[in-house]
Each structure stands twice: as C-alpha cells, then as structure tokens.
Amino acid sequence: MAGAAAAPTLASLGGLRRLLANPGLTLHTLRHGAAVGQDSFGNRYFEERTPTRPDGRKRRWVIYAGGAREASMVPAEWHAWLHFLTDEPLSETARRPWQKPHQPNQTGSAGAYRPRGHEYRGGERRVTTGDYESWTPEG
C-alpha cells in the first residue's frame, strides 16, 4: 500500500463479461477504486482513492476470483485489512510454524467435516452407555 495505488481498467477487472455479471461493483471500482493487492486465491482488494466515509477512512472491498462471492475465501491477513483492524494487509509469508494455511469453508461440499456416525461415513455410532435413557411417550 505504500505509494500511489493503481487505478483499475475494465480489462484488469475481467472485461465486458465481469461488467455484465456485476455492473454496479465493476463501475464503482472503475470510477472510485484503487488496487491494493491480491491474495493467493486470486481475490483482488481495492480501496477508494478519496475517503467518503463519515470517519474519514477510505472504503475497502474485495472482488472475488472467478466471481465466486464466497466470503470464507478471504484469508485472515486480508480480512483484518478489510475490517480496518490493520492499516496494511498482514504478510502471508510471516506465518508462525503452528499456523495452518487458510482453507475456505467446505460446508455443503465433499470436503465438509463429518463426524463419526455420519451417514456419509457409514452411519455407525458408538453404543451408548448406561447414562442415557431414550424417551418414550406415555399413553
């Protein structure tokens, strides 16, 4: 973010196809946006050239790679920047050894978490112990 950020062009935003798919975002980005960076997923991040927020800060937004519009695809480094927790995006290379790489939410896909006993994992559950009594209606 040091120095002047580059103004995007229609070609750099995905051309006519992107314009037709999301005209409001594309035109707003062309008119007011300044490119800030890109993450490992290909998402591109922008901020306003001149501040319009009441608190004097520049608005920030993301254009998702491939038009996916999946918020869980924003890595923590860029999430902090988008929400004004940091002035500049955190470095993706300065990770601690215990930090795992960012992984988008897998809910609803084949990669989703499924505990033991889930139907897709065989449906076999452990036998319950004596501390559980199933409810049966009376009468």
Protein backbone atom coordinates (compact mmCIF):
# COMPACT_ATOMS: atom_id res chain seq x y z
CA MET A 1 0.00 0.00 0.00
CA ALA A 2 2.98 2.26 0.04
CA GLY A 3 2.85 4.86 -2.68
CA ALA A 4 0.06 5.52 -5.13
CA ALA A 5 -2.25 2.62 -5.81
CA ALA A 6 -3.02 1.80 -9.42
CA ALA A 7 -6.42 2.65 -10.90
CA PRO A 8 -8.05 -0.46 -12.39
CA THR A 9 -9.05 -0.84 -16.03
CA LEU A 10 -12.03 -2.74 -17.41
CA ALA A 11 -9.66 -5.36 -18.80
CA SER A 12 -7.96 -5.85 -15.42
CA LEU A 13 -11.36 -6.38 -13.77
CA GLY A 14 -12.41 -9.13 -16.17
CA GLY A 15 -13.64 -7.21 -19.18
CA LEU A 16 -17.14 -7.00 -20.55
CA ARG A 17 -18.13 -10.34 -19.02
CA ARG A 18 -17.47 -9.01 -15.49
CA LEU A 19 -19.26 -5.76 -16.31
CA LEU A 20 -22.38 -7.62 -17.43
CA ALA A 21 -22.26 -10.04 -14.48
CA ASN A 22 -21.92 -7.33 -11.83
CA PRO A 23 -22.28 -3.85 -13.32
CA GLY A 24 -22.59 -1.91 -10.08
CA LEU A 25 -19.43 -3.28 -8.49
CA THR A 26 -17.43 -3.05 -11.71
CA LEU A 27 -18.43 0.55 -12.46
CA HIS A 28 -17.89 1.61 -8.84
CA THR A 29 -14.43 0.02 -8.87
CA LEU A 30 -13.52 1.70 -12.17
CA ARG A 31 -14.71 5.10 -11.01
CA HIS A 32 -13.59 5.16 -7.36
CA GLY A 33 -11.26 2.21 -6.77
CA ALA A 34 -7.53 1.89 -6.37
CA ALA A 35 -5.96 -1.58 -6.48
CA VAL A 36 -4.24 -2.54 -3.24
CA GLY A 37 -3.27 -6.17 -3.71
CA GLN A 38 -4.15 -9.75 -4.46
CA ASP A 39 -4.16 -12.87 -2.28
CA SER A 40 -3.11 -16.43 -3.06
CA PHE A 41 -6.68 -17.33 -4.19
CA GLY A 42 -6.66 -14.57 -6.82
CA ASN A 43 -9.08 -12.29 -4.95
CA ARG A 44 -8.30 -8.62 -5.62
CA TYR A 45 -8.59 -5.90 -2.98
CA PHE A 46 -9.43 -2.24 -3.52
CA GLU A 47 -9.92 0.95 -1.59
CA GLU A 48 -11.33 4.33 -2.52
CA ARG A 49 -8.99 6.91 -3.95
CA THR A 50 -10.54 9.64 -1.81
CA PRO A 51 -12.28 8.98 1.53
CA THR A 52 -16.08 9.19 1.62
CA ARG A 53 -16.78 7.54 4.98
CA PRO A 54 -18.02 9.81 7.78
CA ASP A 55 -14.98 8.87 9.88
CA GLY A 56 -12.59 9.96 7.10
CA ARG A 57 -11.35 6.46 6.22
CA LYS A 58 -11.34 5.04 2.68
CA ARG A 59 -13.86 2.30 1.93
CA ARG A 60 -12.36 -1.12 1.22
CA TRP A 61 -13.73 -4.04 -0.78
CA VAL A 62 -12.84 -7.30 -2.49
CA ILE A 63 -13.58 -8.69 -5.94
CA TYR A 64 -13.58 -12.46 -5.61
CA ALA A 65 -11.67 -14.62 -8.07
CA GLY A 66 -13.93 -16.21 -10.64
CA GLY A 67 -16.92 -14.25 -9.34
CA ALA A 68 -17.45 -16.82 -6.58
CA ARG A 69 -18.64 -14.32 -3.91
CA GLU A 70 -17.58 -16.65 -1.10
CA ALA A 71 -16.57 -14.65 1.97
CA SER A 72 -14.77 -17.58 3.57
CA MET A 73 -12.23 -17.37 0.72
CA VAL A 74 -10.75 -14.21 2.26
CA PRO A 75 -7.60 -15.15 4.22
CA ALA A 76 -7.17 -13.77 7.74
CA GLU A 77 -4.46 -11.37 6.60
CA TRP A 78 -6.83 -9.63 4.21
CA HIS A 79 -9.87 -9.95 6.49
CA ALA A 80 -8.04 -7.84 9.07
CA TRP A 81 -7.32 -5.19 6.44
CA LEU A 82 -10.90 -5.18 5.05
CA HIS A 83 -12.31 -4.58 8.54
CA PHE A 84 -9.81 -1.82 9.46
CA LEU A 85 -8.03 -3.94 12.08
CA THR A 86 -4.74 -3.16 10.34
CA ASP A 87 -3.64 -0.26 8.15
CA GLU A 88 -1.87 -2.59 5.73
CA PRO A 89 -2.52 -6.25 4.92
CA LEU A 90 -0.56 -8.65 7.08
CA SER A 91 2.23 -10.56 5.40
CA GLU A 92 1.28 -14.05 4.25
CA THR A 93 4.93 -15.09 4.48
CA ALA A 94 5.34 -14.17 8.16
CA ARG A 95 3.36 -17.15 9.42
CA ARG A 96 4.14 -18.94 12.64
CA PRO A 97 5.07 -22.64 12.42
CA TRP A 98 1.81 -23.61 14.14
CA GLN A 99 -0.42 -21.67 11.72
CA LYS A 100 -2.18 -23.70 9.06
CA PRO A 101 -2.72 -22.29 5.56
CA HIS A 102 -6.11 -20.66 5.01
CA GLN A 103 -8.83 -23.02 3.80
CA PRO A 104 -12.25 -21.82 2.64
CA ASN A 105 -15.41 -23.11 4.31
CA GLN A 106 -16.14 -26.61 2.99
CA THR A 107 -19.75 -26.85 4.22
CA GLY A 108 -22.00 -28.47 1.64
CA SER A 109 -19.14 -29.97 -0.33
CA ALA A 110 -17.39 -33.33 -0.35
CA GLY A 111 -14.64 -31.83 1.85
CA ALA A 112 -17.01 -30.89 4.68
CA TYR A 113 -16.37 -32.15 8.21
CA ARG A 114 -18.38 -35.24 9.01
CA PRO A 115 -18.04 -36.75 12.48
CA ARG A 116 -18.03 -40.46 13.18
CA GLY A 117 -21.54 -41.79 12.86
CA HIS A 118 -22.50 -39.50 10.00
CA GLU A 119 -24.41 -41.21 7.21
CA TYR A 120 -21.66 -40.45 4.69
CA ARG A 121 -19.11 -42.16 6.93
CA GLY A 122 -21.02 -45.39 7.30
CA GLY A 123 -23.60 -44.29 9.87
CA GLU A 124 -22.04 -46.43 12.62
CA ARG A 125 -22.24 -44.78 16.05
CA ARG A 126 -20.78 -45.94 19.32
CA VAL A 127 -23.10 -47.82 21.61
CA THR A 128 -24.38 -45.53 24.35
CA THR A 129 -23.51 -46.22 27.94
CA GLY A 130 -25.94 -46.64 30.81
CA ASP A 131 -26.29 -42.90 31.44
CA TYR A 132 -28.78 -42.44 28.61
CA GLU A 133 -32.43 -43.43 28.50
CA SER A 134 -34.43 -42.86 25.37
CA TRP A 135 -37.71 -41.02 25.81
CA THR A 136 -40.94 -42.82 25.09
CA PRO A 137 -44.30 -41.10 25.26
CA GLU A 138 -46.76 -42.35 27.83
CA GLY A 139 -50.23 -43.42 26.92
